[in-house]
Amino acid sequence: MSLKIIQTKERLITPSGVALVGALLKKTSLANFSNRLGKPKDVKHQNSNCLISYVGLLCQGKTVYDDIREMQEDPSFFSQALQVNSIPSAETLRQRLDYLG
């Protein structure tokens, strides 16, 4: 996905900056590195999906796992913006970050 930034008079939604975060994270090896950290029992969500989703939350100033529910209200936008396959639930996010820790 290429990201083109242009000046406009349109009103942007608050989490629109998440697309920039996703583009920047794509340039790193974070996804490959986190997926090599071991396979958890539930492999529906890759380690990278969980970690990148949490970074997306942190970049919005949100630190509570339950805040991921806002991303689940519009999963197509957030999964495309962060370039992940799926958005995990709050429970999966907490458990996976505990596992990776």
Protein backbone atom coordinates (compact mmCIF):
# COMPACT_ATOMS: atom_id res chain seq x y z
CA MET A 1 0.00 0.00 0.00
CA SER A 2 1.43 3.36 -0.93
CA LEU A 3 0.58 6.37 1.16
CA LYS A 4 0.13 9.73 -0.52
CA ILE A 5 -0.21 12.81 1.67
CA ILE A 6 -1.89 15.83 0.12
CA GLN A 7 -3.21 19.08 1.52
CA THR A 8 -6.98 19.34 1.46
CA LYS A 9 -9.84 21.13 3.14
CA GLU A 10 -11.57 17.86 4.02
CA ARG A 11 -12.08 17.04 7.68
CA LEU A 12 -10.01 14.06 8.79
CA ILE A 13 -11.19 11.51 11.30
CA THR A 14 -9.14 11.23 14.46
CA PRO A 15 -7.50 7.84 13.85
CA SER A 16 -6.48 8.67 10.28
CA GLY A 17 -2.86 8.97 11.43
CA VAL A 18 -2.87 5.24 12.08
CA ALA A 19 -2.33 4.75 8.34
CA LEU A 20 1.00 6.58 8.61
CA VAL A 21 1.94 4.42 11.59
CA GLY A 22 1.11 1.29 9.58
CA ALA A 23 3.20 2.47 6.64
CA LEU A 24 6.16 3.21 8.91
CA LEU A 25 5.87 -0.14 10.71
CA LYS A 26 5.82 -1.92 7.36
CA LYS A 27 9.31 -0.51 6.73
CA THR A 28 10.64 -2.25 9.87
CA SER A 29 11.25 -5.93 10.61
CA LEU A 30 8.88 -5.87 13.60
CA ALA A 31 6.32 -8.22 12.02
CA ASN A 32 8.88 -10.87 11.05
CA PHE A 33 10.68 -10.59 14.36
CA SER A 34 7.52 -10.95 16.46
CA ASN A 35 6.25 -13.90 14.42
CA ARG A 36 9.52 -15.75 15.08
CA LEU A 37 9.07 -15.44 18.86
CA GLY A 38 7.16 -18.70 19.04
CA LYS A 39 3.79 -20.04 18.08
CA PRO A 40 1.04 -19.61 20.68
CA LYS A 41 -1.73 -22.21 20.92
CA ASP A 42 -4.25 -19.91 19.22
CA VAL A 43 -2.75 -19.03 15.86
CA LYS A 44 -5.83 -17.25 14.49
CA HIS A 45 -4.03 -13.98 15.18
CA GLN A 46 -0.34 -13.84 14.39
CA ASN A 47 2.00 -12.29 16.94
CA SER A 48 2.59 -9.42 14.53
CA ASN A 49 -1.15 -8.63 14.26
CA CYS A 50 -1.38 -8.30 18.03
CA LEU A 51 1.81 -6.30 18.46
CA ILE A 52 1.13 -3.89 15.59
CA SER A 53 -2.48 -3.42 16.73
CA TYR A 54 -1.22 -2.47 20.18
CA VAL A 55 1.32 -0.04 18.72
CA GLY A 56 -1.59 1.51 16.80
CA LEU A 57 -3.42 1.96 20.10
CA LEU A 58 -0.40 3.50 21.78
CA CYS A 59 0.05 5.97 18.92
CA GLN A 60 -3.49 7.18 19.59
CA GLY A 61 -2.66 7.69 23.28
CA LYS A 62 -4.66 4.63 24.36
CA THR A 63 -3.06 2.23 26.81
CA VAL A 64 -5.94 0.03 27.96
CA TYR A 65 -6.42 -3.32 26.19
CA ASP A 66 -10.19 -2.76 26.02
CA ASP A 67 -9.59 0.25 23.75
CA ILE A 68 -9.00 -2.28 20.94
CA ARG A 69 -12.80 -2.65 20.82
CA GLU A 70 -12.95 0.72 19.04
CA MET A 71 -10.80 -0.75 16.28
CA GLN A 72 -13.13 -3.74 16.04
CA GLU A 73 -16.03 -1.38 15.27
CA ASP A 74 -14.34 -0.59 11.92
CA PRO A 75 -12.01 -3.55 11.33
CA SER A 76 -11.63 -2.94 7.60
CA PHE A 77 -10.19 0.56 8.13
CA PHE A 78 -7.82 -0.41 10.93
CA SER A 79 -6.60 -3.66 9.39
CA GLN A 80 -5.89 -1.85 6.12
CA ALA A 81 -4.34 1.17 7.84
CA LEU A 82 -2.07 -0.95 10.05
CA GLN A 83 -1.54 -3.52 7.28
CA VAL A 84 -2.52 -6.51 9.44
CA ASN A 85 -4.74 -9.48 8.62
CA SER A 86 -7.07 -9.09 11.59
CA ILE A 87 -7.72 -7.04 14.71
CA PRO A 88 -7.55 -9.17 17.89
CA SER A 89 -10.02 -9.03 20.76
CA ALA A 90 -9.03 -7.33 24.01
CA GLU A 91 -8.60 -10.72 25.66
CA THR A 92 -6.43 -12.11 22.87
CA LEU A 93 -4.35 -8.93 22.84
CA ARG A 94 -3.70 -9.09 26.58
CA GLN A 95 -2.85 -12.79 26.54
CA ARG A 96 -0.58 -12.52 23.50
CA LEU A 97 1.35 -9.55 24.87
CA ASP A 98 1.76 -11.44 28.16
CA TYR A 99 3.03 -14.42 26.13
CA LEU A 100 5.46 -12.28 24.13
CA GLY A 101 6.67 -10.49 27.27
